[in-house]
Amino acid sequence: MNEQSQDLKAQLLQTDDEFHQLADQHHQLEDRLHQLTAKPYLSEPEQVEEVTLKKQKLLLKDRMEGILRRHQQHQPH
């Protein structure tokens, strides 16, 4: 991600409620994934949870990227 995108992301975290909520959710899922990957062995339900969390994270990231693109299109270059 380039510096302009990083700046826009930082700005959106402070000014866009939806973007901020998505980022918070993404962070929570990331924390839970770290807890799971720290385990030497995952039970079957934990394996399912891990796959589900990864899919949810991707969906959140896609939504955040959509918001970033929408704001980049409305900014003068």
PDB file of N, CA and C in Angstrom:
ATOM      1  N   MET A   1       0.848  -1.175   0.000  1.00  0.00           N
ATOM      2  CA  MET A   1       0.000   0.000   0.000  1.00  0.00           C
ATOM      3  C   MET A   1       0.893   1.236   0.000  1.00  0.00           C
ATOM      4  N   ASN A   2       0.617   2.173  -0.913  1.00  0.00           N
ATOM      5  CA  ASN A   2       1.467   3.353  -0.987  1.00  0.00           C
ATOM      6  C   ASN A   2       1.127   4.351   0.122  1.00  0.00           C
ATOM      7  N   GLU A   3       1.953   5.386   0.200  1.00  0.00           N
ATOM      8  CA  GLU A   3       1.816   6.348   1.306  1.00  0.00           C
ATOM      9  C   GLU A   3       0.488   7.090   1.251  1.00  0.00           C
ATOM     10  N   GLN A   4       0.037   7.432   0.037  1.00  0.00           N
ATOM     11  CA  GLN A   4      -1.243   8.125  -0.110  1.00  0.00           C
ATOM     12  C   GLN A   4      -2.389   7.241   0.396  1.00  0.00           C
ATOM     13  N   SER A   5      -2.350   5.957   0.075  1.00  0.00           N
ATOM     14  CA  SER A   5      -3.379   5.034   0.547  1.00  0.00           C
ATOM     15  C   SER A   5      -3.333   4.890   2.055  1.00  0.00           C
ATOM     16  N   GLN A   6      -2.117   4.833   2.619  1.00  0.00           N
ATOM     17  CA  GLN A   6      -1.966   4.742   4.079  1.00  0.00           C
ATOM     18  C   GLN A   6      -2.553   5.978   4.759  1.00  0.00           C
ATOM     19  N   ASP A   7      -2.292   7.146   4.172  1.00  0.00           N
ATOM     20  CA  ASP A   7      -2.825   8.391   4.732  1.00  0.00           C
ATOM     21  C   ASP A   7      -4.345   8.398   4.694  1.00  0.00           C
ATOM     22  N   LEU A   8      -4.902   7.957   3.551  1.00  0.00           N
ATOM     23  CA  LEU A   8      -6.354   7.910   3.417  1.00  0.00           C
ATOM     24  C   LEU A   8      -6.944   6.919   4.414  1.00  0.00           C
ATOM     25  N   LYS A   9      -6.288   5.780   4.580  1.00  0.00           N
ATOM     26  CA  LYS A   9      -6.763   4.779   5.538  1.00  0.00           C
ATOM     27  C   LYS A   9      -6.777   5.356   6.953  1.00  0.00           C
ATOM     28  N   ALA A  10      -5.713   6.040   7.330  1.00  0.00           N
ATOM     29  CA  ALA A  10      -5.640   6.658   8.656  1.00  0.00           C
ATOM     30  C   ALA A  10      -6.746   7.698   8.823  1.00  0.00           C
ATOM     31  N   GLN A  11      -6.993   8.467   7.771  1.00  0.00           N
ATOM     32  CA  GLN A  11      -8.048   9.481   7.814  1.00  0.00           C
ATOM     33  C   GLN A  11      -9.417   8.822   7.966  1.00  0.00           C
ATOM     34  N   LEU A  12      -9.661   7.758   7.193  1.00  0.00           N
ATOM     35  CA  LEU A  12     -10.954   7.082   7.251  1.00  0.00           C
ATOM     36  C   LEU A  12     -11.192   6.426   8.614  1.00  0.00           C
ATOM     37  N   LEU A  13     -10.135   5.933   9.238  1.00  0.00           N
ATOM     38  CA  LEU A  13     -10.274   5.337  10.567  1.00  0.00           C
ATOM     39  C   LEU A  13     -10.832   6.354  11.562  1.00  0.00           C
ATOM     40  N   GLN A  14     -10.537   7.632  11.328  1.00  0.00           N
ATOM     41  CA  GLN A  14     -10.985   8.671  12.248  1.00  0.00           C
ATOM     42  C   GLN A  14     -12.292   9.324  11.815  1.00  0.00           C
ATOM     43  N   THR A  15     -12.599   9.282  10.505  1.00  0.00           N
ATOM     44  CA  THR A  15     -13.744  10.060  10.022  1.00  0.00           C
ATOM     45  C   THR A  15     -14.905   9.217   9.495  1.00  0.00           C
ATOM     46  N   ASP A  16     -14.666   7.964   9.178  1.00  0.00           N
ATOM     47  CA  ASP A  16     -15.712   7.122   8.584  1.00  0.00           C
ATOM     48  C   ASP A  16     -16.092   6.019   9.575  1.00  0.00           C
ATOM     49  N   ASP A  17     -17.293   6.118  10.120  1.00  0.00           N
ATOM     50  CA  ASP A  17     -17.734   5.164  11.148  1.00  0.00           C
ATOM     51  C   ASP A  17     -17.750   3.728  10.626  1.00  0.00           C
ATOM     52  N   GLU A  18     -18.253   3.532   9.410  1.00  0.00           N
ATOM     53  CA  GLU A  18     -18.318   2.180   8.861  1.00  0.00           C
ATOM     54  C   GLU A  18     -16.917   1.588   8.709  1.00  0.00           C
ATOM     55  N   PHE A  19     -16.000   2.379   8.157  1.00  0.00           N
ATOM     56  CA  PHE A  19     -14.623   1.911   7.965  1.00  0.00           C
ATOM     57  C   PHE A  19     -13.998   1.561   9.316  1.00  0.00           C
ATOM     58  N   HIS A  20     -14.231   2.412  10.303  1.00  0.00           N
ATOM     59  CA  HIS A  20     -13.683   2.185  11.645  1.00  0.00           C
ATOM     60  C   HIS A  20     -14.233   0.890  12.248  1.00  0.00           C
ATOM     61  N   GLN A  21     -15.537   0.672  12.109  1.00  0.00           N
ATOM     62  CA  GLN A  21     -16.150  -0.559  12.633  1.00  0.00           C
ATOM     63  C   GLN A  21     -15.576  -1.790  11.932  1.00  0.00           C
ATOM     64  N   LEU A  22     -15.442  -1.721  10.616  1.00  0.00           N
ATOM     65  CA  LEU A  22     -14.894  -2.848   9.859  1.00  0.00           C
ATOM     66  C   LEU A  22     -13.462  -3.142  10.301  1.00  0.00           C
ATOM     67  N   ALA A  23     -12.678  -2.084  10.497  1.00  0.00           N
ATOM     68  CA  ALA A  23     -11.291  -2.263  10.930  1.00  0.00           C
ATOM     69  C   ALA A  23     -11.240  -2.892  12.322  1.00  0.00           C
ATOM     70  N   ASP A  24     -12.134  -2.466  13.206  1.00  0.00           N
ATOM     71  CA  ASP A  24     -12.187  -3.052  14.552  1.00  0.00           C
ATOM     72  C   ASP A  24     -12.532  -4.538  14.490  1.00  0.00           C
ATOM     73  N   GLN A  25     -13.530  -4.871  13.688  1.00  0.00           N
ATOM     74  CA  GLN A  25     -13.930  -6.273  13.545  1.00  0.00           C
ATOM     75  C   GLN A  25     -12.785  -7.099  12.963  1.00  0.00           C
ATOM     76  N   HIS A  26     -12.119  -6.536  11.965  1.00  0.00           N
ATOM     77  CA  HIS A  26     -10.989  -7.222  11.328  1.00  0.00           C
ATOM     78  C   HIS A  26      -9.904  -7.504  12.367  1.00  0.00           C
ATOM     79  N   HIS A  27      -9.638  -6.523  13.216  1.00  0.00           N
ATOM     80  CA  HIS A  27      -8.619  -6.661  14.250  1.00  0.00           C
ATOM     81  C   HIS A  27      -9.015  -7.744  15.267  1.00  0.00           C
ATOM     82  N   GLN A  28     -10.278  -7.773  15.645  1.00  0.00           N
ATOM     83  CA  GLN A  28     -10.749  -8.792  16.587  1.00  0.00           C
ATOM     84  C   GLN A  28     -10.603 -10.195  15.999  1.00  0.00           C
ATOM     85  N   LEU A  29     -10.943 -10.345  14.729  1.00  0.00           N
ATOM     86  CA  LEU A  29     -10.801 -11.649  14.078  1.00  0.00           C
ATOM     87  C   LEU A  29      -9.329 -12.039  13.995  1.00  0.00           C
ATOM     88  N   GLU A  30      -8.485 -11.065  13.718  1.00  0.00           N
ATOM     89  CA  GLU A  30      -7.044 -11.318  13.651  1.00  0.00           C
ATOM     90  C   GLU A  30      -6.518 -11.803  15.000  1.00  0.00           C
ATOM     91  N   ASP A  31      -6.972 -11.167  16.069  1.00  0.00           N
ATOM     92  CA  ASP A  31      -6.559 -11.585  17.419  1.00  0.00           C
ATOM     93  C   ASP A  31      -6.976 -13.024  17.705  1.00  0.00           C
ATOM     94  N   ARG A  32      -8.205 -13.361  17.350  1.00  0.00           N
ATOM     95  CA  ARG A  32      -8.685 -14.728  17.586  1.00  0.00           C
ATOM     96  C   ARG A  32      -7.904 -15.731  16.740  1.00  0.00           C
ATOM     97  N   LEU A  33      -7.594 -15.365  15.504  1.00  0.00           N
ATOM     98  CA  LEU A  33      -6.799 -16.257  14.656  1.00  0.00           C
ATOM     99  C   LEU A  33      -5.418 -16.504  15.256  1.00  0.00           C
ATOM    100  N   HIS A  34      -4.828 -15.460  15.821  1.00  0.00           N
ATOM    101  CA  HIS A  34      -3.521 -15.624  16.469  1.00  0.00           C
ATOM    102  C   HIS A  34      -3.618 -16.587  17.654  1.00  0.00           C
ATOM    103  N   GLN A  35      -4.714 -16.505  18.403  1.00  0.00           N
ATOM    104  CA  GLN A  35      -4.918 -17.431  19.523  1.00  0.00           C
ATOM    105  C   GLN A  35      -4.978 -18.867  19.018  1.00  0.00           C
ATOM    106  N   LEU A  36      -5.697 -19.063  17.916  1.00  0.00           N
ATOM    107  CA  LEU A  36      -5.839 -20.410  17.376  1.00  0.00           C
ATOM    108  C   LEU A  36      -4.516 -20.932  16.813  1.00  0.00           C
ATOM    109  N   THR A  37      -3.802 -20.089  16.089  1.00  0.00           N
ATOM    110  CA  THR A  37      -2.556 -20.555  15.464  1.00  0.00           C
ATOM    111  C   THR A  37      -1.451 -20.777  16.493  1.00  0.00           C
ATOM    112  N   ALA A  38      -1.613 -20.231  17.684  1.00  0.00           N
ATOM    113  CA  ALA A  38      -0.615 -20.444  18.735  1.00  0.00           C
ATOM    114  C   ALA A  38      -0.742 -21.841  19.352  1.00  0.00           C
ATOM    115  N   LYS A  39      -1.865 -22.477  19.119  1.00  0.00           N
ATOM    116  CA  LYS A  39      -2.082 -23.812  19.676  1.00  0.00           C
ATOM    117  C   LYS A  39      -1.327 -24.857  18.854  1.00  0.00           C
ATOM    118  N   PRO A  40      -0.777 -25.849  19.518  1.00  0.00           N
ATOM    119  CA  PRO A  40      -0.060 -26.902  18.779  1.00  0.00           C
ATOM    120  C   PRO A  40      -1.005 -27.798  17.976  1.00  0.00           C
ATOM    121  N   TYR A  41      -2.250 -27.897  18.431  1.00  0.00           N
ATOM    122  CA  TYR A  41      -3.217 -28.761  17.755  1.00  0.00           C
ATOM    123  C   TYR A  41      -4.595 -28.120  17.853  1.00  0.00           C
ATOM    124  N   LEU A  42      -5.330 -28.132  16.748  1.00  0.00           N
ATOM    125  CA  LEU A  42      -6.685 -27.593  16.757  1.00  0.00           C
ATOM    126  C   LEU A  42      -7.693 -28.729  16.700  1.00  0.00           C
ATOM    127  N   SER A  43      -8.701 -28.635  17.561  1.00  0.00           N
ATOM    128  CA  SER A  43      -9.794 -29.600  17.488  1.00  0.00           C
ATOM    129  C   SER A  43     -10.572 -29.346  16.197  1.00  0.00           C
ATOM    130  N   GLU A  44     -11.445 -30.259  15.866  1.00  0.00           N
ATOM    131  CA  GLU A  44     -12.227 -30.089  14.633  1.00  0.00           C
ATOM    132  C   GLU A  44     -13.060 -28.803  14.655  1.00  0.00           C
ATOM    133  N   PRO A  45     -13.759 -28.498  15.760  1.00  0.00           N
ATOM    134  CA  PRO A  45     -14.502 -27.219  15.793  1.00  0.00           C
ATOM    135  C   PRO A  45     -13.577 -25.997  15.659  1.00  0.00           C
ATOM    136  N   GLU A  46     -12.387 -26.093  16.225  1.00  0.00           N
ATOM    137  CA  GLU A  46     -11.432 -24.974  16.105  1.00  0.00           C
ATOM    138  C   GLU A  46     -10.944 -24.841  14.668  1.00  0.00           C
ATOM    139  N   GLN A  47     -10.768 -25.952  13.976  1.00  0.00           N
ATOM    140  CA  GLN A  47     -10.360 -25.897  12.575  1.00  0.00           C
ATOM    141  C   GLN A  47     -11.442 -25.227  11.730  1.00  0.00           C
ATOM    142  N   VAL A  48     -12.693 -25.575  12.013  1.00  0.00           N
ATOM    143  CA  VAL A  48     -13.813 -24.946  11.306  1.00  0.00           C
ATOM    144  C   VAL A  48     -13.857 -23.452  11.631  1.00  0.00           C
ATOM    145  N   GLU A  49     -13.651 -23.121  12.893  1.00  0.00           N
ATOM    146  CA  GLU A  49     -13.642 -21.715  13.303  1.00  0.00           C
ATOM    147  C   GLU A  49     -12.534 -20.951  12.584  1.00  0.00           C
ATOM    148  N   GLU A  50     -11.364 -21.568  12.473  1.00  0.00           N
ATOM    149  CA  GLU A  50     -10.241 -20.914  11.804  1.00  0.00           C
ATOM    150  C   GLU A  50     -10.589 -20.591  10.351  1.00  0.00           C
ATOM    151  N   VAL A  51     -11.156 -21.540   9.646  1.00  0.00           N
ATOM    152  CA  VAL A  51     -11.532 -21.318   8.244  1.00  0.00           C
ATOM    153  C   VAL A  51     -12.594 -20.219   8.150  1.00  0.00           C
ATOM    154  N   THR A  52     -13.574 -20.275   9.042  1.00  0.00           N
ATOM    155  CA  THR A  52     -14.644 -19.276   9.049  1.00  0.00           C
ATOM    156  C   THR A  52     -14.092 -17.883   9.337  1.00  0.00           C
ATOM    157  N   LEU A  53     -13.194 -17.789  10.307  1.00  0.00           N
ATOM    158  CA  LEU A  53     -12.593 -16.493  10.645  1.00  0.00           C
ATOM    159  C   LEU A  53     -11.822 -15.916   9.466  1.00  0.00           C
ATOM    160  N   LYS A  54     -11.090 -16.765   8.760  1.00  0.00           N
ATOM    161  CA  LYS A  54     -10.320 -16.300   7.602  1.00  0.00           C
ATOM    162  C   LYS A  54     -11.251 -15.764   6.513  1.00  0.00           C
ATOM    163  N   LYS A  55     -12.355 -16.445   6.296  1.00  0.00           N
ATOM    164  CA  LYS A  55     -13.323 -15.985   5.293  1.00  0.00           C
ATOM    165  C   LYS A  55     -13.944 -14.661   5.717  1.00  0.00           C
ATOM    166  N   GLN A  56     -14.296 -14.550   6.994  1.00  0.00           N
ATOM    167  CA  GLN A  56     -14.883 -13.309   7.502  1.00  0.00           C
ATOM    168  C   GLN A  56     -13.893 -12.150   7.373  1.00  0.00           C
ATOM    169  N   LYS A  57     -12.627 -12.434   7.676  1.00  0.00           N
ATOM    170  CA  LYS A  57     -11.589 -11.398   7.558  1.00  0.00           C
ATOM    171  C   LYS A  57     -11.481 -10.906   6.126  1.00  0.00           C
ATOM    172  N   LEU A  58     -11.512 -11.835   5.177  1.00  0.00           N
ATOM    173  CA  LEU A  58     -11.424 -11.452   3.764  1.00  0.00           C
ATOM    174  C   LEU A  58     -12.611 -10.593   3.344  1.00  0.00           C
ATOM    175  N   LEU A  59     -13.800 -10.961   3.808  1.00  0.00           N
ATOM    176  CA  LEU A  59     -14.980 -10.159   3.486  1.00  0.00           C
ATOM    177  C   LEU A  59     -14.856  -8.744   4.045  1.00  0.00           C
ATOM    178  N   LEU A  60     -14.384  -8.648   5.284  1.00  0.00           N
ATOM    179  CA  LEU A  60     -14.196  -7.322   5.886  1.00  0.00           C
ATOM    180  C   LEU A  60     -13.158  -6.523   5.117  1.00  0.00           C
ATOM    181  N   LYS A  61     -12.068  -7.175   4.747  1.00  0.00           N
ATOM    182  CA  LYS A  61     -11.010  -6.488   4.006  1.00  0.00           C
ATOM    183  C   LYS A  61     -11.530  -6.003   2.652  1.00  0.00           C
ATOM    184  N   ASP A  62     -12.326  -6.827   1.986  1.00  0.00           N
ATOM    185  CA  ASP A  62     -12.907  -6.415   0.702  1.00  0.00           C
ATOM    186  C   ASP A  62     -13.798  -5.192   0.877  1.00  0.00           C
ATOM    187  N   ARG A  63     -14.598  -5.183   1.921  1.00  0.00           N
ATOM    188  CA  ARG A  63     -15.469  -4.028   2.169  1.00  0.00           C
ATOM    189  C   ARG A  63     -14.651  -2.777   2.471  1.00  0.00           C
ATOM    190  N   MET A  64     -13.577  -2.938   3.243  1.00  0.00           N
ATOM    191  CA  MET A  64     -12.707  -1.795   3.552  1.00  0.00           C
ATOM    192  C   MET A  64     -12.033  -1.283   2.278  1.00  0.00           C
ATOM    193  N   GLU A  65     -11.579  -2.192   1.434  1.00  0.00           N
ATOM    194  CA  GLU A  65     -10.947  -1.798   0.171  1.00  0.00           C
ATOM    195  C   GLU A  65     -11.937  -1.049  -0.709  1.00  0.00           C
ATOM    196  N   GLY A  66     -13.191  -1.479  -0.718  1.00  0.00           N
ATOM    197  CA  GLY A  66     -14.226  -0.795  -1.490  1.00  0.00           C
ATOM    198  C   GLY A  66     -14.412   0.638  -1.021  1.00  0.00           C
ATOM    199  N   ILE A  67     -14.421   0.824   0.288  1.00  0.00           N
ATOM    200  CA  ILE A  67     -14.548   2.182   0.843  1.00  0.00           C
ATOM    201  C   ILE A  67     -13.331   3.020   0.451  1.00  0.00           C
ATOM    202  N   LEU A  68     -12.133   2.426   0.554  1.00  0.00           N
ATOM    203  CA  LEU A  68     -10.914   3.149   0.160  1.00  0.00           C
ATOM    204  C   LEU A  68     -10.985   3.575  -1.305  1.00  0.00           C
ATOM    205  N   ARG A  69     -11.376   2.645  -2.174  1.00  0.00           N
ATOM    206  CA  ARG A  69     -11.456   2.966  -3.609  1.00  0.00           C
ATOM    207  C   ARG A  69     -12.469   4.078  -3.865  1.00  0.00           C
ATOM    208  N   ARG A  70     -13.615   3.997  -3.200  1.00  0.00           N
ATOM    209  CA  ARG A  70     -14.654   5.005  -3.377  1.00  0.00           C
ATOM    210  C   ARG A  70     -14.129   6.390  -2.991  1.00  0.00           C
ATOM    211  N   HIS A  71     -13.396   6.464  -1.889  1.00  0.00           N
ATOM    212  CA  HIS A  71     -12.858   7.756  -1.436  1.00  0.00           C
ATOM    213  C   HIS A  71     -11.712   8.215  -2.339  1.00  0.00           C
ATOM    214  N   GLN A  72     -10.906   7.288  -2.850  1.00  0.00           N
ATOM    215  CA  GLN A  72      -9.814   7.669  -3.747  1.00  0.00           C
ATOM    216  C   GLN A  72     -10.352   8.246  -5.036  1.00  0.00           C
ATOM    217  N   GLN A  73     -11.479   7.738  -5.520  1.00  0.00           N
ATOM    218  CA  GLN A  73     -12.071   8.241  -6.751  1.00  0.00           C
ATOM    219  C   GLN A  73     -12.603   9.662  -6.584  1.00  0.00           C
ATOM    220  N   HIS A  74     -12.954  10.027  -5.366  1.00  0.00           N
ATOM    221  CA  HIS A  74     -13.513  11.343  -5.109  1.00  0.00           C
ATOM    222  C   HIS A  74     -12.454  12.372  -4.701  1.00  0.00           C
ATOM    223  N   GLN A  75     -11.209  11.926  -4.596  1.00  0.00           N
ATOM    224  CA  GLN A  75     -10.130  12.841  -4.237  1.00  0.00           C
ATOM    225  C   GLN A  75      -9.427  13.339  -5.501  1.00  0.00           C
ATOM    226  N   PRO A  76      -9.045  14.621  -5.517  1.00  0.00           N
ATOM    227  CA  PRO A  76      -8.240  15.095  -6.651  1.00  0.00           C
ATOM    228  C   PRO A  76      -6.842  14.486  -6.591  1.00  0.00           C
ATOM    229  N   HIS A  77      -6.273  14.173  -7.726  1.00  0.00           N
ATOM    230  CA  HIS A  77      -4.946  13.521  -7.768  1.00  0.00           C
ATOM    231  C   HIS A  77      -3.840  14.523  -7.708  1.00  0.00           C
TER     232      HIS A  77
END
